[in-house]
């Protein structure tokens, strides 16, 4: 999750947003 948040501002955007959302749901 930390990596996803770190990558998000770099411009990955929606893909990371979905990944983070799934990760948060799992946690």
PDB file of N, CA and C in Angstrom:
ATOM      1  N   UNK A   1       0.836  -1.207   0.000  1.00  0.00           N
ATOM      2  CA  UNK A   1       0.000   0.000   0.000  1.00  0.00           C
ATOM      3  C   UNK A   1       0.866   1.250   0.000  1.00  0.00           C
ATOM      4  N   UNK A   2       1.940   1.233   0.796  1.00  0.00           N
ATOM      5  CA  UNK A   2       2.817   2.407   0.853  1.00  0.00           C
ATOM      6  C   UNK A   2       3.375   2.696  -0.534  1.00  0.00           C
ATOM      7  N   UNK A   3       3.768   1.644  -1.245  1.00  0.00           N
ATOM      8  CA  UNK A   3       4.323   1.821  -2.588  1.00  0.00           C
ATOM      9  C   UNK A   3       3.276   2.432  -3.505  1.00  0.00           C
ATOM     10  N   UNK A   4       2.040   1.965  -3.400  1.00  0.00           N
ATOM     11  CA  UNK A   4       0.967   2.473  -4.239  1.00  0.00           C
ATOM     12  C   UNK A   4       0.777   3.965  -3.998  1.00  0.00           C
ATOM     13  N   UNK A   5       0.771   4.361  -2.722  1.00  0.00           N
ATOM     14  CA  UNK A   5       0.603   5.773  -2.401  1.00  0.00           C
ATOM     15  C   UNK A   5       1.784   6.580  -2.917  1.00  0.00           C
ATOM     16  N   UNK A   6       2.986   6.004  -2.883  1.00  0.00           N
ATOM     17  CA  UNK A   6       4.182   6.694  -3.351  1.00  0.00           C
ATOM     18  C   UNK A   6       4.129   6.880  -4.863  1.00  0.00           C
ATOM     19  N   UNK A   7       3.596   5.879  -5.566  1.00  0.00           N
ATOM     20  CA  UNK A   7       3.540   5.936  -7.024  1.00  0.00           C
ATOM     21  C   UNK A   7       2.401   6.828  -7.511  1.00  0.00           C
ATOM     22  N   UNK A   8       1.320   6.892  -6.756  1.00  0.00           N
ATOM     23  CA  UNK A   8       0.126   7.621  -7.166  1.00  0.00           C
ATOM     24  C   UNK A   8       0.416   9.037  -7.673  1.00  0.00           C
ATOM     25  N   UNK A   9       1.120   9.879  -6.915  1.00  0.00           N
ATOM     26  CA  UNK A   9       1.381  11.249  -7.355  1.00  0.00           C
ATOM     27  C   UNK A   9       2.274  11.320  -8.584  1.00  0.00           C
ATOM     28  N   UNK A  10       2.932  10.227  -8.937  1.00  0.00           N
ATOM     29  CA  UNK A  10       3.816  10.224 -10.100  1.00  0.00           C
ATOM     30  C   UNK A  10       3.019  10.208 -11.399  1.00  0.00           C
ATOM     31  N   UNK A  11       1.728   9.918 -11.314  1.00  0.00           N
ATOM     32  CA  UNK A  11       0.902   9.996 -12.520  1.00  0.00           C
ATOM     33  C   UNK A  11       0.242   8.675 -12.883  1.00  0.00           C
ATOM     34  N   UNK A  12       0.325   7.664 -12.015  1.00  0.00           N
ATOM     35  CA  UNK A  12      -0.342   6.402 -12.303  1.00  0.00           C
ATOM     36  C   UNK A  12      -1.849   6.598 -12.160  1.00  0.00           C
ATOM     37  N   UNK A  13      -2.230   7.334 -11.137  1.00  0.00           N
ATOM     38  CA  UNK A  13      -3.616   7.786 -10.993  1.00  0.00           C
ATOM     39  C   UNK A  13      -4.640   6.688 -10.780  1.00  0.00           C
ATOM     40  N   UNK A  14      -5.542   6.534 -11.749  1.00  0.00           N
ATOM     41  CA  UNK A  14      -6.694   5.645 -11.582  1.00  0.00           C
ATOM     42  C   UNK A  14      -6.298   4.214 -11.260  1.00  0.00           C
ATOM     43  N   UNK A  15      -5.299   3.689 -11.956  1.00  0.00           N
ATOM     44  CA  UNK A  15      -4.889   2.298 -11.711  1.00  0.00           C
ATOM     45  C   UNK A  15      -4.492   2.106 -10.255  1.00  0.00           C
ATOM     46  N   UNK A  16      -3.692   3.016  -9.745  1.00  0.00           N
ATOM     47  CA  UNK A  16      -3.258   2.923  -8.348  1.00  0.00           C
ATOM     48  C   UNK A  16      -4.454   3.127  -7.430  1.00  0.00           C
ATOM     49  N   UNK A  17      -5.340   4.043  -7.796  1.00  0.00           N
ATOM     50  CA  UNK A  17      -6.526   4.300  -6.980  1.00  0.00           C
ATOM     51  C   UNK A  17      -7.330   3.024  -6.787  1.00  0.00           C
ATOM     52  N   UNK A  18      -7.512   2.273  -7.866  1.00  0.00           N
ATOM     53  CA  UNK A  18      -8.265   1.016  -7.768  1.00  0.00           C
ATOM     54  C   UNK A  18      -7.500   0.004  -6.929  1.00  0.00           C
ATOM     55  N   UNK A  19      -6.187  -0.049  -7.125  1.00  0.00           N
ATOM     56  CA  UNK A  19      -5.367  -1.003  -6.368  1.00  0.00           C
ATOM     57  C   UNK A  19      -5.420  -0.679  -4.886  1.00  0.00           C
ATOM     58  N   UNK A  20      -5.293   0.593  -4.550  1.00  0.00           N
ATOM     59  CA  UNK A  20      -5.332   1.017  -3.148  1.00  0.00           C
ATOM     60  C   UNK A  20      -6.699   0.707  -2.552  1.00  0.00           C
ATOM     61  N   UNK A  21      -7.754   0.965  -3.313  1.00  0.00           N
ATOM     62  CA  UNK A  21      -9.105   0.696  -2.816  1.00  0.00           C
ATOM     63  C   UNK A  21      -9.258  -0.790  -2.493  1.00  0.00           C
ATOM     64  N   UNK A  22      -8.767  -1.648  -3.390  1.00  0.00           N
ATOM     65  CA  UNK A  22      -8.849  -3.095  -3.140  1.00  0.00           C
ATOM     66  C   UNK A  22      -7.996  -3.472  -1.937  1.00  0.00           C
ATOM     67  N   UNK A  23      -6.804  -2.901  -1.849  1.00  0.00           N
ATOM     68  CA  UNK A  23      -5.904  -3.214  -0.739  1.00  0.00           C
ATOM     69  C   UNK A  23      -6.546  -2.810   0.583  1.00  0.00           C
ATOM     70  N   UNK A  24      -7.161  -1.638   0.615  1.00  0.00           N
ATOM     71  CA  UNK A  24      -7.795  -1.162   1.843  1.00  0.00           C
ATOM     72  C   UNK A  24      -8.943  -2.094   2.229  1.00  0.00           C
ATOM     73  N   UNK A  25      -9.689  -2.542   1.243  1.00  0.00           N
ATOM     74  CA  UNK A  25     -10.814  -3.445   1.533  1.00  0.00           C
ATOM     75  C   UNK A  25     -10.299  -4.754   2.111  1.00  0.00           C
ATOM     76  N   UNK A  26      -9.207  -5.256   1.577  1.00  0.00           N
ATOM     77  CA  UNK A  26      -8.626  -6.511   2.069  1.00  0.00           C
ATOM     78  C   UNK A  26      -8.145  -6.336   3.503  1.00  0.00           C
ATOM     79  N   UNK A  27      -7.509  -5.208   3.779  1.00  0.00           N
ATOM     80  CA  UNK A  27      -6.993  -4.948   5.125  1.00  0.00           C
ATOM     81  C   UNK A  27      -8.173  -4.662   6.037  1.00  0.00           C
TER      82      UNK A  27
END
